[in-house]
Amino acid sequence: MTLNRNQQEAPEDSAALGGEHMTQGEMIIEYLEHFGSITPFEAFRDLGITKLATRISEMRKAGMEFNKEYVTGKNRFGNPVTYMKYSLKE
């Protein structure tokens, strides 16, 4: 299965991110372990998850720890936008 982040392949032992029995939280964790970070756009494009911040909040309440970083870029019209990038705390 191609995961899409720059067309990289998912790990062979992956449960095929987005596979039948994975929760959205599990898909996010596996994505973070494979790619190191995730943004709301990547969550939607690669995993079909529209509420990344909500899932991260739920996992934080369950005891998981994440780093978060504000990233500034440009949208397709060239206007500046700011969004959050999450990674697992080490």
N, C-alpha and C. Protein backbone atom coordinates (compact mmCIF):
# COMPACT_ATOMS: atom_id res chain seq x y z
N MET A 1 0.84 -1.18 0.00
CA MET A 1 0.00 0.00 0.00
C MET A 1 0.88 1.24 0.00
N THR A 2 0.61 2.16 -0.88
CA THR A 2 1.33 3.42 -0.90
C THR A 2 0.64 4.36 0.07
N LEU A 3 1.43 4.95 0.94
CA LEU A 3 0.87 5.83 1.95
C LEU A 3 0.70 7.24 1.46
N ASN A 4 1.50 7.65 0.52
CA ASN A 4 1.41 8.92 -0.17
C ASN A 4 2.39 9.97 0.27
N ARG A 5 2.87 10.02 1.46
CA ARG A 5 3.78 11.11 1.82
C ARG A 5 4.97 11.02 0.89
N ASN A 6 4.92 11.80 -0.16
CA ASN A 6 5.92 11.80 -1.23
C ASN A 6 6.05 10.41 -1.86
N GLN A 7 4.93 9.70 -1.90
CA GLN A 7 4.82 8.39 -2.55
C GLN A 7 5.71 7.32 -1.91
N GLN A 8 5.95 7.41 -0.61
CA GLN A 8 6.71 6.38 0.09
C GLN A 8 5.81 5.19 0.37
N GLU A 9 6.41 4.04 0.43
CA GLU A 9 5.66 2.83 0.73
C GLU A 9 5.49 2.67 2.24
N ALA A 10 4.36 2.12 2.64
CA ALA A 10 4.13 1.79 4.04
C ALA A 10 5.01 0.60 4.39
N PRO A 11 5.37 0.44 5.65
CA PRO A 11 6.16 -0.73 6.04
C PRO A 11 5.41 -2.01 5.74
N GLU A 12 6.14 -3.04 5.36
CA GLU A 12 5.52 -4.32 4.99
C GLU A 12 4.72 -4.93 6.13
N ASP A 13 5.17 -4.73 7.39
CA ASP A 13 4.46 -5.32 8.52
C ASP A 13 3.32 -4.43 8.98
N SER A 14 3.07 -3.36 8.24
CA SER A 14 1.98 -2.45 8.58
C SER A 14 0.65 -3.17 8.44
N ALA A 15 -0.30 -2.74 9.23
CA ALA A 15 -1.66 -3.28 9.10
C ALA A 15 -2.37 -2.53 7.99
N ALA A 16 -1.59 -2.06 7.02
CA ALA A 16 -2.11 -1.30 5.88
C ALA A 16 -2.91 -0.12 6.37
N LEU A 17 -2.20 0.87 6.85
CA LEU A 17 -2.83 2.06 7.41
C LEU A 17 -4.20 2.29 6.80
N GLY A 18 -5.16 2.37 7.64
CA GLY A 18 -6.53 2.51 7.17
C GLY A 18 -7.18 1.17 7.00
N GLY A 19 -6.47 0.12 7.39
CA GLY A 19 -7.02 -1.23 7.28
C GLY A 19 -8.24 -1.41 8.14
N GLU A 20 -8.89 -2.53 7.98
CA GLU A 20 -10.20 -2.74 8.57
C GLU A 20 -10.27 -2.55 10.08
N HIS A 21 -9.36 -3.07 10.84
CA HIS A 21 -9.56 -3.12 12.28
C HIS A 21 -8.75 -2.08 13.05
N MET A 22 -8.26 -1.05 12.37
CA MET A 22 -7.49 -0.02 13.06
C MET A 22 -8.39 1.17 13.39
N THR A 23 -8.23 1.71 14.60
CA THR A 23 -8.93 2.94 14.94
C THR A 23 -8.17 4.10 14.30
N GLN A 24 -8.79 5.27 14.28
CA GLN A 24 -8.10 6.44 13.75
C GLN A 24 -6.86 6.75 14.59
N GLY A 25 -6.96 6.58 15.89
CA GLY A 25 -5.81 6.80 16.76
C GLY A 25 -4.66 5.87 16.40
N GLU A 26 -4.97 4.61 16.17
CA GLU A 26 -3.93 3.63 15.79
C GLU A 26 -3.30 3.99 14.44
N MET A 27 -4.13 4.46 13.52
CA MET A 27 -3.61 4.85 12.21
C MET A 27 -2.67 6.05 12.35
N ILE A 28 -3.03 7.00 13.21
CA ILE A 28 -2.18 8.18 13.42
C ILE A 28 -0.85 7.77 14.04
N ILE A 29 -0.88 6.92 15.06
CA ILE A 29 0.35 6.48 15.71
C ILE A 29 1.25 5.75 14.72
N GLU A 30 0.69 4.86 13.92
CA GLU A 30 1.49 4.14 12.94
C GLU A 30 2.09 5.10 11.91
N TYR A 31 1.32 6.08 11.51
CA TYR A 31 1.81 7.09 10.56
C TYR A 31 2.98 7.86 11.18
N LEU A 32 2.81 8.28 12.44
CA LEU A 32 3.88 9.01 13.13
C LEU A 32 5.14 8.15 13.27
N GLU A 33 4.98 6.89 13.58
CA GLU A 33 6.13 6.00 13.72
C GLU A 33 6.85 5.82 12.38
N HIS A 34 6.10 5.83 11.30
CA HIS A 34 6.71 5.62 9.98
C HIS A 34 7.30 6.91 9.40
N PHE A 35 6.58 8.03 9.52
CA PHE A 35 7.00 9.27 8.88
C PHE A 35 7.56 10.32 9.84
N GLY A 36 7.32 10.18 11.14
CA GLY A 36 7.89 11.11 12.12
C GLY A 36 7.00 12.26 12.52
N SER A 37 6.09 12.68 11.64
CA SER A 37 5.20 13.80 11.96
C SER A 37 3.96 13.70 11.09
N ILE A 38 2.94 14.49 11.46
CA ILE A 38 1.71 14.53 10.69
C ILE A 38 1.08 15.91 10.82
N THR A 39 0.49 16.38 9.73
CA THR A 39 -0.24 17.64 9.71
C THR A 39 -1.71 17.33 9.41
N PRO A 40 -2.61 18.28 9.64
CA PRO A 40 -4.01 18.04 9.31
C PRO A 40 -4.22 17.67 7.84
N PHE A 41 -3.48 18.30 6.94
CA PHE A 41 -3.62 17.99 5.52
C PHE A 41 -3.19 16.55 5.24
N GLU A 42 -2.06 16.12 5.81
CA GLU A 42 -1.59 14.75 5.61
C GLU A 42 -2.57 13.75 6.20
N ALA A 43 -3.13 14.07 7.37
CA ALA A 43 -4.11 13.17 7.99
C ALA A 43 -5.31 12.98 7.08
N PHE A 44 -5.77 14.05 6.45
CA PHE A 44 -6.92 13.96 5.55
C PHE A 44 -6.54 13.25 4.25
N ARG A 45 -5.45 13.69 3.63
CA ARG A 45 -5.03 13.13 2.34
C ARG A 45 -4.64 11.65 2.44
N ASP A 46 -3.85 11.32 3.44
CA ASP A 46 -3.28 9.97 3.51
C ASP A 46 -4.12 8.99 4.31
N LEU A 47 -4.89 9.48 5.30
CA LEU A 47 -5.62 8.58 6.20
C LEU A 47 -7.13 8.79 6.17
N GLY A 48 -7.59 9.87 5.56
CA GLY A 48 -9.03 10.15 5.54
C GLY A 48 -9.55 10.66 6.87
N ILE A 49 -8.66 11.18 7.71
CA ILE A 49 -9.04 11.69 9.03
C ILE A 49 -9.21 13.20 8.93
N THR A 50 -10.42 13.69 9.25
CA THR A 50 -10.70 15.11 9.11
C THR A 50 -10.50 15.89 10.40
N LYS A 51 -10.46 15.23 11.55
CA LYS A 51 -10.34 15.94 12.83
C LYS A 51 -9.09 15.46 13.58
N LEU A 52 -7.94 15.76 13.00
CA LEU A 52 -6.68 15.33 13.61
C LEU A 52 -6.53 15.89 15.02
N ALA A 53 -6.80 17.18 15.23
CA ALA A 53 -6.62 17.79 16.54
C ALA A 53 -7.49 17.11 17.60
N THR A 54 -8.69 16.69 17.21
CA THR A 54 -9.58 16.00 18.15
C THR A 54 -9.00 14.65 18.53
N ARG A 55 -8.50 13.90 17.54
CA ARG A 55 -7.91 12.59 17.83
C ARG A 55 -6.67 12.74 18.72
N ILE A 56 -5.83 13.74 18.44
CA ILE A 56 -4.63 13.98 19.26
C ILE A 56 -5.05 14.32 20.68
N SER A 57 -6.07 15.16 20.84
CA SER A 57 -6.58 15.53 22.16
C SER A 57 -7.06 14.30 22.92
N GLU A 58 -7.79 13.43 22.25
CA GLU A 58 -8.28 12.20 22.89
C GLU A 58 -7.11 11.32 23.34
N MET A 59 -6.08 11.21 22.50
CA MET A 59 -4.93 10.38 22.85
C MET A 59 -4.14 11.01 23.99
N ARG A 60 -4.08 12.34 24.05
CA ARG A 60 -3.41 13.01 25.17
C ARG A 60 -4.14 12.71 26.47
N LYS A 61 -5.46 12.76 26.44
CA LYS A 61 -6.25 12.45 27.64
C LYS A 61 -6.03 11.02 28.09
N ALA A 62 -5.69 10.14 27.15
CA ALA A 62 -5.43 8.74 27.47
C ALA A 62 -3.98 8.53 27.92
N GLY A 63 -3.19 9.62 27.98
CA GLY A 63 -1.84 9.52 28.52
C GLY A 63 -0.71 9.60 27.51
N MET A 64 -1.00 9.70 26.23
CA MET A 64 0.07 9.80 25.23
C MET A 64 0.61 11.23 25.21
N GLU A 65 1.88 11.36 24.82
CA GLU A 65 2.49 12.68 24.75
C GLU A 65 2.94 12.98 23.33
N PHE A 66 2.68 14.21 22.90
CA PHE A 66 3.01 14.65 21.55
C PHE A 66 3.74 15.98 21.60
N ASN A 67 4.63 16.19 20.64
CA ASN A 67 5.19 17.51 20.38
C ASN A 67 4.27 18.17 19.38
N LYS A 68 4.15 19.49 19.47
CA LYS A 68 3.40 20.20 18.45
C LYS A 68 4.18 21.43 18.05
N GLU A 69 4.08 21.75 16.77
CA GLU A 69 4.85 22.86 16.22
C GLU A 69 3.97 23.61 15.23
N TYR A 70 3.93 24.93 15.37
CA TYR A 70 3.22 25.74 14.38
C TYR A 70 4.11 25.86 13.15
N VAL A 71 3.52 25.62 11.99
CA VAL A 71 4.23 25.71 10.72
C VAL A 71 3.53 26.76 9.87
N THR A 72 4.31 27.60 9.23
CA THR A 72 3.74 28.61 8.33
C THR A 72 4.13 28.26 6.90
N GLY A 73 3.15 28.28 6.03
CA GLY A 73 3.38 27.98 4.63
C GLY A 73 2.46 28.85 3.79
N LYS A 74 2.28 28.45 2.54
CA LYS A 74 1.38 29.18 1.66
C LYS A 74 0.33 28.23 1.12
N ASN A 75 -0.87 28.75 0.95
CA ASN A 75 -1.93 27.93 0.36
C ASN A 75 -1.81 27.98 -1.17
N ARG A 76 -2.73 27.35 -1.86
CA ARG A 76 -2.63 27.27 -3.32
C ARG A 76 -2.78 28.62 -4.01
N PHE A 77 -3.23 29.62 -3.28
CA PHE A 77 -3.36 30.97 -3.82
C PHE A 77 -2.17 31.85 -3.48
N GLY A 78 -1.22 31.28 -2.76
CA GLY A 78 -0.03 32.03 -2.37
C GLY A 78 -0.18 32.83 -1.09
N ASN A 79 -1.30 32.66 -0.41
CA ASN A 79 -1.53 33.38 0.84
C ASN A 79 -0.91 32.62 2.02
N PRO A 80 -0.38 33.34 3.01
CA PRO A 80 0.22 32.66 4.16
C PRO A 80 -0.83 31.95 5.01
N VAL A 81 -0.49 30.76 5.46
CA VAL A 81 -1.35 29.98 6.35
C VAL A 81 -0.49 29.38 7.45
N THR A 82 -1.09 29.17 8.62
CA THR A 82 -0.39 28.54 9.74
C THR A 82 -1.18 27.31 10.15
N TYR A 83 -0.47 26.21 10.38
CA TYR A 83 -1.10 24.97 10.77
C TYR A 83 -0.20 24.24 11.76
N MET A 84 -0.75 23.22 12.40
CA MET A 84 -0.03 22.48 13.43
C MET A 84 0.60 21.21 12.83
N LYS A 85 1.80 20.90 13.28
CA LYS A 85 2.46 19.64 12.92
C LYS A 85 2.74 18.89 14.22
N TYR A 86 2.30 17.63 14.29
CA TYR A 86 2.45 16.82 15.49
C TYR A 86 3.50 15.74 15.29
N SER A 87 4.20 15.40 16.36
CA SER A 87 5.12 14.27 16.38
C SER A 87 5.05 13.63 17.76
N LEU A 88 5.54 12.39 17.85
CA LEU A 88 5.54 11.69 19.13
C LEU A 88 6.67 12.24 20.00
N LYS A 89 6.37 12.43 21.30
CA LYS A 89 7.39 12.84 22.24
C LYS A 89 8.28 11.65 22.52
N GLU A 90 9.56 11.90 22.60
CA GLU A 90 10.50 10.81 22.86
C GLU A 90 10.81 10.66 24.31
